Amino acid sequence: DAIPACKWVHAIPNGGSRGSTKDQAMRVGAQLKAEGVK
């Protein structure tokens, strides 16, 4: 009954906290946006 294809189901990390300070969050957010996060 195993469904091996399920091992390829994956998360898309587009949300969540990006740093402990506002400056860090803005910097990491800008980097991720440049990398294609939508």
PDB file of all heavy atoms in Angstrom:
ATOM      1  N   ASP A   1       0.802  -1.219   0.000  1.00  0.00           N
ATOM      2  CA  ASP A   1       0.000   0.000   0.000  1.00  0.00           C
ATOM      3  C   ASP A   1       0.836   1.272   0.000  1.00  0.00           C
ATOM      4  O   ASP A   1       0.299   2.372  -0.019  1.00  0.00           O
ATOM      5  CB  ASP A   1      -0.926   0.021   1.219  1.00  0.00           C
ATOM      6  CG  ASP A   1      -1.975  -1.077   1.166  1.00  0.00           C
ATOM      7  OD1 ASP A   1      -2.353  -1.472   0.043  1.00  0.00           O
ATOM      8  OD2 ASP A   1      -2.400  -1.532   2.233  1.00  0.00           O
ATOM      9  N   ALA A   2       2.154   1.147   0.049  1.00  0.00           N
ATOM     10  CA  ALA A   2       3.033   2.316   0.078  1.00  0.00           C
ATOM     11  C   ALA A   2       2.811   3.177  -1.173  1.00  0.00           C
ATOM     12  O   ALA A   2       2.495   2.665  -2.242  1.00  0.00           O
ATOM     13  CB  ALA A   2       4.488   1.873   0.162  1.00  0.00           C
ATOM     14  N   ILE A   3       2.983   4.474  -1.004  1.00  0.00           N
ATOM     15  CA  ILE A   3       2.873   5.404  -2.125  1.00  0.00           C
ATOM     16  C   ILE A   3       4.181   6.194  -2.170  1.00  0.00           C
ATOM     17  O   ILE A   3       4.271   7.322  -1.667  1.00  0.00           O
ATOM     18  CB  ILE A   3       1.647   6.335  -1.966  1.00  0.00           C
ATOM     19  CG1 ILE A   3       0.379   5.509  -1.746  1.00  0.00           C
ATOM     20  CG2 ILE A   3       1.499   7.244  -3.191  1.00  0.00           C
ATOM     21  CD1 ILE A   3      -0.850   6.324  -1.426  1.00  0.00           C
ATOM     22  N   PRO A   4       5.239   5.585  -2.734  1.00  0.00           N
ATOM     23  CA  PRO A   4       6.562   6.217  -2.711  1.00  0.00           C
ATOM     24  C   PRO A   4       6.601   7.620  -3.297  1.00  0.00           C
ATOM     25  O   PRO A   4       7.422   8.434  -2.878  1.00  0.00           O
ATOM     26  CB  PRO A   4       7.434   5.261  -3.528  1.00  0.00           C
ATOM     27  CG  PRO A   4       6.725   3.958  -3.477  1.00  0.00           C
ATOM     28  CD  PRO A   4       5.259   4.286  -3.392  1.00  0.00           C
ATOM     29  N   ALA A   5       5.730   7.935  -4.256  1.00  0.00           N
ATOM     30  CA  ALA A   5       5.734   9.276  -4.861  1.00  0.00           C
ATOM     31  C   ALA A   5       5.462  10.363  -3.831  1.00  0.00           C
ATOM     32  O   ALA A   5       5.840  11.522  -4.037  1.00  0.00           O
ATOM     33  CB  ALA A   5       4.708   9.349  -5.986  1.00  0.00           C
ATOM     34  N   CYS A   6       4.838  10.008  -2.701  1.00  0.00           N
ATOM     35  CA  CYS A   6       4.538  11.009  -1.663  1.00  0.00           C
ATOM     36  C   CYS A   6       5.798  11.595  -1.046  1.00  0.00           C
ATOM     37  O   CYS A   6       5.752  12.652  -0.429  1.00  0.00           O
ATOM     38  CB  CYS A   6       3.629  10.424  -0.591  1.00  0.00           C
ATOM     39  SG  CYS A   6       1.923  10.290  -1.151  1.00  0.00           S
ATOM     40  N   LYS A   7       6.937  10.907  -1.206  1.00  0.00           N
ATOM     41  CA  LYS A   7       8.169  11.475  -0.646  1.00  0.00           C
ATOM     42  C   LYS A   7       8.578  12.753  -1.380  1.00  0.00           C
ATOM     43  O   LYS A   7       9.404  13.509  -0.896  1.00  0.00           O
ATOM     44  CB  LYS A   7       9.300  10.454  -0.661  1.00  0.00           C
ATOM     45  CG  LYS A   7       9.912  10.198  -2.014  1.00  0.00           C
ATOM     46  CD  LYS A   7      11.044   9.193  -1.911  1.00  0.00           C
ATOM     47  CE  LYS A   7      11.736   9.012  -3.246  1.00  0.00           C
ATOM     48  NZ  LYS A   7      12.880   8.114  -3.125  1.00  0.00           N
ATOM     49  N   TRP A   8       7.986  13.014  -2.554  1.00  0.00           N
ATOM     50  CA  TRP A   8       8.324  14.210  -3.319  1.00  0.00           C
ATOM     51  C   TRP A   8       7.382  15.378  -3.058  1.00  0.00           C
ATOM     52  O   TRP A   8       7.571  16.469  -3.608  1.00  0.00           O
ATOM     53  CB  TRP A   8       8.385  13.885  -4.812  1.00  0.00           C
ATOM     54  CG  TRP A   8       9.483  12.911  -5.087  1.00  0.00           C
ATOM     55  CD1 TRP A   8       9.350  11.602  -5.467  1.00  0.00           C
ATOM     56  CD2 TRP A   8      10.884  13.138  -4.961  1.00  0.00           C
ATOM     57  NE1 TRP A   8      10.584  11.009  -5.582  1.00  0.00           N
ATOM     58  CE2 TRP A   8      11.546  11.942  -5.282  1.00  0.00           C
ATOM     59  CE3 TRP A   8      11.655  14.241  -4.600  1.00  0.00           C
ATOM     60  CZ2 TRP A   8      12.933  11.816  -5.254  1.00  0.00           C
ATOM     61  CZ3 TRP A   8      13.034  14.117  -4.588  1.00  0.00           C
ATOM     62  CH2 TRP A   8      13.651  12.921  -4.902  1.00  0.00           C
ATOM     63  N   VAL A   9       6.360  15.175  -2.243  1.00  0.00           N
ATOM     64  CA  VAL A   9       5.511  16.296  -1.822  1.00  0.00           C
ATOM     65  C   VAL A   9       6.414  17.227  -1.011  1.00  0.00           C
ATOM     66  O   VAL A   9       7.182  16.769  -0.165  1.00  0.00           O
ATOM     67  CB  VAL A   9       4.322  15.798  -0.980  1.00  0.00           C
ATOM     68  CG1 VAL A   9       3.506  16.967  -0.454  1.00  0.00           C
ATOM     69  CG2 VAL A   9       3.452  14.843  -1.793  1.00  0.00           C
ATOM     70  N   HIS A  10       6.346  18.522  -1.284  1.00  0.00           N
ATOM     71  CA  HIS A  10       7.283  19.422  -0.615  1.00  0.00           C
ATOM     72  C   HIS A  10       6.661  20.763  -0.228  1.00  0.00           C
ATOM     73  O   HIS A  10       5.661  21.190  -0.801  1.00  0.00           O
ATOM     74  CB  HIS A  10       8.520  19.663  -1.492  1.00  0.00           C
ATOM     75  CG  HIS A  10       8.201  20.225  -2.843  1.00  0.00           C
ATOM     76  ND1 HIS A  10       7.842  19.437  -3.915  1.00  0.00           N
ATOM     77  CD2 HIS A  10       8.187  21.503  -3.300  1.00  0.00           C
ATOM     78  CE1 HIS A  10       7.629  20.199  -4.972  1.00  0.00           C
ATOM     79  NE2 HIS A  10       7.827  21.457  -4.619  1.00  0.00           N
ATOM     80  N   ALA A  11       7.315  21.393   0.744  1.00  0.00           N
ATOM     81  CA  ALA A  11       6.903  22.708   1.215  1.00  0.00           C
ATOM     82  C   ALA A  11       7.565  23.784   0.364  1.00  0.00           C
ATOM     83  O   ALA A  11       8.660  23.587  -0.170  1.00  0.00           O
ATOM     84  CB  ALA A  11       7.302  22.888   2.672  1.00  0.00           C
ATOM     85  N   ILE A  12       6.893  24.903   0.264  1.00  0.00           N
ATOM     86  CA  ILE A  12       7.411  26.072  -0.440  1.00  0.00           C
ATOM     87  C   ILE A  12       7.515  27.187   0.604  1.00  0.00           C
ATOM     88  O   ILE A  12       6.501  27.750   1.000  1.00  0.00           O
ATOM     89  CB  ILE A  12       6.477  26.481  -1.604  1.00  0.00           C
ATOM     90  CG1 ILE A  12       6.301  25.318  -2.573  1.00  0.00           C
ATOM     91  CG2 ILE A  12       7.016  27.733  -2.300  1.00  0.00           C
ATOM     92  CD1 ILE A  12       5.208  25.520  -3.595  1.00  0.00           C
ATOM     93  N   PRO A  13       8.717  27.468   1.089  1.00  0.00           N
ATOM     94  CA  PRO A  13       8.870  28.403   2.217  1.00  0.00           C
ATOM     95  C   PRO A  13       8.760  29.874   1.811  1.00  0.00           C
ATOM     96  O   PRO A  13       9.745  30.587   1.720  1.00  0.00           O
ATOM     97  CB  PRO A  13      10.265  28.071   2.755  1.00  0.00           C
ATOM     98  CG  PRO A  13      11.010  27.576   1.567  1.00  0.00           C
ATOM     99  CD  PRO A  13       9.994  26.879   0.696  1.00  0.00           C
ATOM    100  N   ASN A  14       7.533  30.327   1.556  1.00  0.00           N
ATOM    101  CA  ASN A  14       7.322  31.718   1.163  1.00  0.00           C
ATOM    102  C   ASN A  14       6.936  32.630   2.316  1.00  0.00           C
ATOM    103  O   ASN A  14       6.912  33.831   2.154  1.00  0.00           O
ATOM    104  CB  ASN A  14       6.240  31.801   0.080  1.00  0.00           C
ATOM    105  CG  ASN A  14       6.823  31.557  -1.290  1.00  0.00           C
ATOM    106  OD1 ASN A  14       7.959  31.885  -1.551  1.00  0.00           O
ATOM    107  ND2 ASN A  14       6.043  30.962  -2.160  1.00  0.00           N
ATOM    108  N   GLY A  15       6.595  32.088   3.471  1.00  0.00           N
ATOM    109  CA  GLY A  15       6.152  32.935   4.573  1.00  0.00           C
ATOM    110  C   GLY A  15       7.034  32.760   5.786  1.00  0.00           C
ATOM    111  O   GLY A  15       8.077  32.122   5.735  1.00  0.00           O
ATOM    112  N   GLY A  16       6.615  33.330   6.881  1.00  0.00           N
ATOM    113  CA  GLY A  16       7.321  33.147   8.143  1.00  0.00           C
ATOM    114  C   GLY A  16       8.258  34.285   8.474  1.00  0.00           C
ATOM    115  O   GLY A  16       8.517  35.177   7.678  1.00  0.00           O
ATOM    116  N   SER A  17       8.803  34.210   9.682  1.00  0.00           N
ATOM    117  CA  SER A  17       9.715  35.221  10.191  1.00  0.00           C
ATOM    118  C   SER A  17      11.055  35.138   9.466  1.00  0.00           C
ATOM    119  O   SER A  17      11.545  34.055   9.175  1.00  0.00           O
ATOM    120  CB  SER A  17       9.922  35.020  11.692  1.00  0.00           C
ATOM    121  OG  SER A  17      10.862  35.949  12.162  1.00  0.00           O
ATOM    122  N   ARG A  18      11.632  36.276   9.221  1.00  0.00           N
ATOM    123  CA  ARG A  18      12.895  36.333   8.475  1.00  0.00           C
ATOM    124  C   ARG A  18      14.027  36.945   9.292  1.00  0.00           C
ATOM    125  O   ARG A  18      15.039  37.323   8.748  1.00  0.00           O
ATOM    126  CB  ARG A  18      12.708  37.146   7.191  1.00  0.00           C
ATOM    127  CG  ARG A  18      11.624  36.629   6.285  1.00  0.00           C
ATOM    128  CD  ARG A  18      11.947  35.251   5.772  1.00  0.00           C
ATOM    129  NE  ARG A  18      10.945  34.849   4.792  1.00  0.00           N
ATOM    130  CZ  ARG A  18      10.770  33.620   4.392  1.00  0.00           C
ATOM    131  NH1 ARG A  18      11.508  32.658   4.875  1.00  0.00           N
ATOM    132  NH2 ARG A  18       9.846  33.326   3.510  1.00  0.00           N
ATOM    133  N   GLY A  19      13.866  37.074  10.588  1.00  0.00           N
ATOM    134  CA  GLY A  19      14.921  37.627  11.431  1.00  0.00           C
ATOM    135  C   GLY A  19      14.362  38.106  12.749  1.00  0.00           C
ATOM    136  O   GLY A  19      13.157  38.286  12.900  1.00  0.00           O
ATOM    137  N   SER A  20      15.247  38.331  13.710  1.00  0.00           N
ATOM    138  CA  SER A  20      14.787  38.719  15.037  1.00  0.00           C
ATOM    139  C   SER A  20      14.620  40.229  15.179  1.00  0.00           C
ATOM    140  O   SER A  20      13.999  40.703  16.115  1.00  0.00           O
ATOM    141  CB  SER A  20      15.750  38.191  16.106  1.00  0.00           C
ATOM    142  OG  SER A  20      17.062  38.669  15.852  1.00  0.00           O
ATOM    143  N   THR A  21      15.184  40.998  14.259  1.00  0.00           N
ATOM    144  CA  THR A  21      14.991  42.447  14.291  1.00  0.00           C
ATOM    145  C   THR A  21      14.349  42.900  12.979  1.00  0.00           C
ATOM    146  O   THR A  21      14.399  42.185  11.973  1.00  0.00           O
ATOM    147  CB  THR A  21      16.341  43.184  14.459  1.00  0.00           C
ATOM    148  OG1 THR A  21      17.122  42.993  13.277  1.00  0.00           O
ATOM    149  CG2 THR A  21      17.098  42.697  15.683  1.00  0.00           C
ATOM    150  N   LYS A  22      13.788  44.085  13.005  1.00  0.00           N
ATOM    151  CA  LYS A  22      13.151  44.620  11.800  1.00  0.00           C
ATOM    152  C   LYS A  22      14.172  44.767  10.673  1.00  0.00           C
ATOM    153  O   LYS A  22      13.895  44.448   9.519  1.00  0.00           O
ATOM    154  CB  LYS A  22      12.485  45.959  12.114  1.00  0.00           C
ATOM    155  CG  LYS A  22      11.705  46.526  10.955  1.00  0.00           C
ATOM    156  CD  LYS A  22      10.984  47.803  11.336  1.00  0.00           C
ATOM    157  CE  LYS A  22      10.209  48.331  10.140  1.00  0.00           C
ATOM    158  NZ  LYS A  22       9.473  49.551  10.472  1.00  0.00           N
ATOM    159  N   ASP A  23      15.385  45.214  11.001  1.00  0.00           N
ATOM    160  CA  ASP A  23      16.435  45.378   9.998  1.00  0.00           C
ATOM    161  C   ASP A  23      16.805  44.036   9.366  1.00  0.00           C
ATOM    162  O   ASP A  23      16.930  43.930   8.148  1.00  0.00           O
ATOM    163  CB  ASP A  23      17.669  46.020  10.643  1.00  0.00           C
ATOM    164  CG  ASP A  23      18.743  46.327   9.613  1.00  0.00           C
ATOM    165  OD1 ASP A  23      18.424  46.993   8.608  1.00  0.00           O
ATOM    166  OD2 ASP A  23      19.898  45.882   9.827  1.00  0.00           O
ATOM    167  N   GLN A  24      16.969  43.003  10.202  1.00  0.00           N
ATOM    168  CA  GLN A  24      17.277  41.662   9.679  1.00  0.00           C
ATOM    169  C   GLN A  24      16.158  41.165   8.782  1.00  0.00           C
ATOM    170  O   GLN A  24      16.408  40.613   7.707  1.00  0.00           O
ATOM    171  CB  GLN A  24      17.453  40.655  10.830  1.00  0.00           C
ATOM    172  CG  GLN A  24      18.794  40.633  11.464  1.00  0.00           C
ATOM    173  CD  GLN A  24      18.835  39.573  12.557  1.00  0.00           C
ATOM    174  OE1 GLN A  24      17.838  39.327  13.249  1.00  0.00           O
ATOM    175  NE2 GLN A  24      19.988  38.959  12.725  1.00  0.00           N
ATOM    176  N   ALA A  25      14.930  41.318   9.229  1.00  0.00           N
ATOM    177  CA  ALA A  25      13.775  40.842   8.456  1.00  0.00           C
ATOM    178  C   ALA A  25      13.711  41.536   7.100  1.00  0.00           C
ATOM    179  O   ALA A  25      13.443  40.890   6.084  1.00  0.00           O
ATOM    180  CB  ALA A  25      12.485  41.076   9.246  1.00  0.00           C
ATOM    181  N   MET A  26      13.975  42.829   7.074  1.00  0.00           N
ATOM    182  CA  MET A  26      13.943  43.568   5.806  1.00  0.00           C
ATOM    183  C   MET A  26      15.064  43.100   4.882  1.00  0.00           C
ATOM    184  O   MET A  26      14.849  42.905   3.689  1.00  0.00           O
ATOM    185  CB  MET A  26      14.038  45.069   6.069  1.00  0.00           C
ATOM    186  CG  MET A  26      12.772  45.644   6.681  1.00  0.00           C
ATOM    187  SD  MET A  26      12.896  47.389   7.078  1.00  0.00           S
ATOM    188  CE  MET A  26      13.118  48.091   5.461  1.00  0.00           C
ATOM    189  N   ARG A  27      16.258  42.882   5.431  1.00  0.00           N
ATOM    190  CA  ARG A  27      17.394  42.443   4.617  1.00  0.00           C
ATOM    191  C   ARG A  27      17.156  41.050   4.045  1.00  0.00           C
ATOM    192  O   ARG A  27      17.313  40.821   2.843  1.00  0.00           O
ATOM    193  CB  ARG A  27      18.669  42.459   5.475  1.00  0.00           C
ATOM    194  CG  ARG A  27      19.926  42.313   4.660  1.00  0.00           C
ATOM    195  CD  ARG A  27      21.221  42.506   5.475  1.00  0.00           C
ATOM    196  NE  ARG A  27      21.096  43.281   6.678  1.00  0.00           N
ATOM    197  CZ  ARG A  27      21.193  42.769   7.928  1.00  0.00           C
ATOM    198  NH1 ARG A  27      21.422  41.508   8.107  1.00  0.00           N
ATOM    199  NH2 ARG A  27      21.076  43.545   8.975  1.00  0.00           N
ATOM    200  N   VAL A  28      16.743  40.114   4.904  1.00  0.00           N
ATOM    201  CA  VAL A  28      16.490  38.743   4.448  1.00  0.00           C
ATOM    202  C   VAL A  28      15.315  38.718   3.478  1.00  0.00           C
ATOM    203  O   VAL A  28      15.345  38.028   2.461  1.00  0.00           O
ATOM    204  CB  VAL A  28      16.262  37.791   5.641  1.00  0.00           C
ATOM    205  CG1 VAL A  28      15.829  36.420   5.172  1.00  0.00           C
ATOM    206  CG2 VAL A  28      17.525  37.690   6.484  1.00  0.00           C
ATOM    207  N   GLY A  29      14.281  39.501   3.766  1.00  0.00           N
ATOM    208  CA  GLY A  29      13.129  39.583   2.876  1.00  0.00           C
ATOM    209  C   GLY A  29      13.527  40.067   1.486  1.00  0.00           C
ATOM    210  O   GLY A  29      13.073  39.534   0.470  1.00  0.00           O
ATOM    211  N   ALA A  30      14.394  41.065   1.424  1.00  0.00           N
ATOM    212  CA  ALA A  30      14.866  41.580   0.133  1.00  0.00           C
ATOM    213  C   ALA A  30      15.673  40.516  -0.614  1.00  0.00           C
ATOM    214  O   ALA A  30      15.533  40.351  -1.827  1.00  0.00           O
ATOM    215  CB  ALA A  30      15.702  42.841   0.341  1.00  0.00           C
ATOM    216  N   GLN A  31      16.516  39.775   0.112  1.00  0.00           N
ATOM    217  CA  GLN A  31      17.304  38.703  -0.521  1.00  0.00           C
ATOM    218  C   GLN A  31      16.386  37.625  -1.097  1.00  0.00           C
ATOM    219  O   GLN A  31      16.576  37.172  -2.225  1.00  0.00           O
ATOM    220  CB  GLN A  31      18.260  38.071   0.490  1.00  0.00           C
ATOM    221  CG  GLN A  31      19.407  38.961   0.889  1.00  0.00           C
ATOM    222  CD  GLN A  31      20.203  38.387   2.055  1.00  0.00           C
ATOM    223  OE1 GLN A  31      19.734  37.521   2.785  1.00  0.00           O
ATOM    224  NE2 GLN A  31      21.411  38.892   2.230  1.00  0.00           N
ATOM    225  N   LEU A  32      15.405  37.211  -0.311  1.00  0.00           N
ATOM    226  CA  LEU A  32      14.491  36.162  -0.753  1.00  0.00           C
ATOM    227  C   LEU A  32      13.654  36.617  -1.947  1.00  0.00           C
ATOM    228  O   LEU A  32      13.422  35.849  -2.878  1.00  0.00           O
ATOM    229  CB  LEU A  32      13.602  35.698   0.395  1.00  0.00           C
ATOM    230  CG  LEU A  32      14.336  34.948   1.505  1.00  0.00           C
ATOM    231  CD1 LEU A  32      13.412  34.710   2.692  1.00  0.00           C
ATOM    232  CD2 LEU A  32      14.911  33.646   0.992  1.00  0.00           C
ATOM    233  N   LYS A  33      13.222  37.862  -1.920  1.00  0.00           N
ATOM    234  CA  LYS A  33      12.455  38.395  -3.050  1.00  0.00           C
ATOM    235  C   LYS A  33      13.314  38.377  -4.309  1.00  0.00           C
ATOM    236  O   LYS A  33      12.846  38.013  -5.397  1.00  0.00           O
ATOM    237  CB  LYS A  33      11.961  39.809  -2.738  1.00  0.00           C
ATOM    238  CG  LYS A  33      11.003  40.352  -3.767  1.00  0.00           C
ATOM    239  CD  LYS A  33      10.395  41.668  -3.321  1.00  0.00           C
ATOM    240  CE  LYS A  33       9.395  42.158  -4.335  1.00  0.00           C
ATOM    241  NZ  LYS A  33       8.782  43.418  -3.921  1.00  0.00           N
ATOM    242  N   ALA A  34      14.596  38.739  -4.173  1.00  0.00           N
ATOM    243  CA  ALA A  34      15.512  38.713  -5.322  1.00  0.00           C
ATOM    244  C   ALA A  34      15.700  37.285  -5.836  1.00  0.00           C
ATOM    245  O   ALA A  34      15.930  37.072  -7.022  1.00  0.00           O
ATOM    246  CB  ALA A  34      16.858  39.327  -4.934  1.00  0.00           C
ATOM    247  N   GLU A  35      15.593  36.297  -4.930  1.00  0.00           N
ATOM    248  CA  GLU A  35      15.744  34.888  -5.315  1.00  0.00           C
ATOM    249  C   GLU A  35      14.467  34.298  -5.910  1.00  0.00           C
ATOM    250  O   GLU A  35      14.472  33.158  -6.361  1.00  0.00           O
ATOM    251  CB  GLU A  35      16.157  34.051  -4.101  1.00  0.00           C
ATOM    252  CG  GLU A  35      17.562  34.343  -3.623  1.00  0.00           C
ATOM    253  CD  GLU A  35      17.904  33.584  -2.352  1.00  0.00           C
ATOM    254  OE1 GLU A  35      17.097  32.739  -1.900  1.00  0.00           O
ATOM    255  OE2 GLU A  35      18.978  33.844  -1.799  1.00  0.00           O
ATOM    256  N   GLY A  36      13.369  35.052  -5.877  1.00  0.00           N
ATOM    257  CA  GLY A  36      12.154  34.576  -6.513  1.00  0.00           C
ATOM    258  C   GLY A  36      11.005  34.217  -5.592  1.00  0.00           C
ATOM    259  O   GLY A  36       9.981  33.719  -6.058  1.00  0.00           O
ATOM    260  N   VAL A  37      11.144  34.458  -4.288  1.00  0.00           N
ATOM    261  CA  VAL A  37      10.031  34.199  -3.372  1.00  0.00           C
ATOM    262  C   VAL A  37       8.874  35.113  -3.759  1.00  0.00           C
ATOM    263  O   VAL A  37       9.067  36.291  -4.045  1.00  0.00           O
ATOM    264  CB  VAL A  37      10.482  34.434  -1.907  1.00  0.00           C
ATOM    265  CG1 VAL A  37       9.303  34.458  -0.964  1.00  0.00           C
ATOM    266  CG2 VAL A  37      11.480  33.372  -1.488  1.00  0.00           C
ATOM    267  N   LYS A  38       7.666  34.547  -3.789  1.00  0.00           N
ATOM    268  CA  LYS A  38       6.487  35.301  -4.230  1.00  0.00           C
ATOM    269  C   LYS A  38       5.392  35.255  -3.172  1.00  0.00           C
ATOM    270  O   LYS A  38       5.048  34.189  -2.667  1.00  0.00           O
ATOM    271  CB  LYS A  38       5.905  34.710  -5.514  1.00  0.00           C
ATOM    272  CG  LYS A  38       6.868  34.627  -6.670  1.00  0.00           C
ATOM    273  CD  LYS A  38       6.917  35.931  -7.415  1.00  0.00           C
ATOM    274  CE  LYS A  38       7.749  35.756  -8.674  1.00  0.00           C
ATOM    275  NZ  LYS A  38       8.572  36.863  -8.961  1.00  0.00           N
TER     276      LYS A  38
END
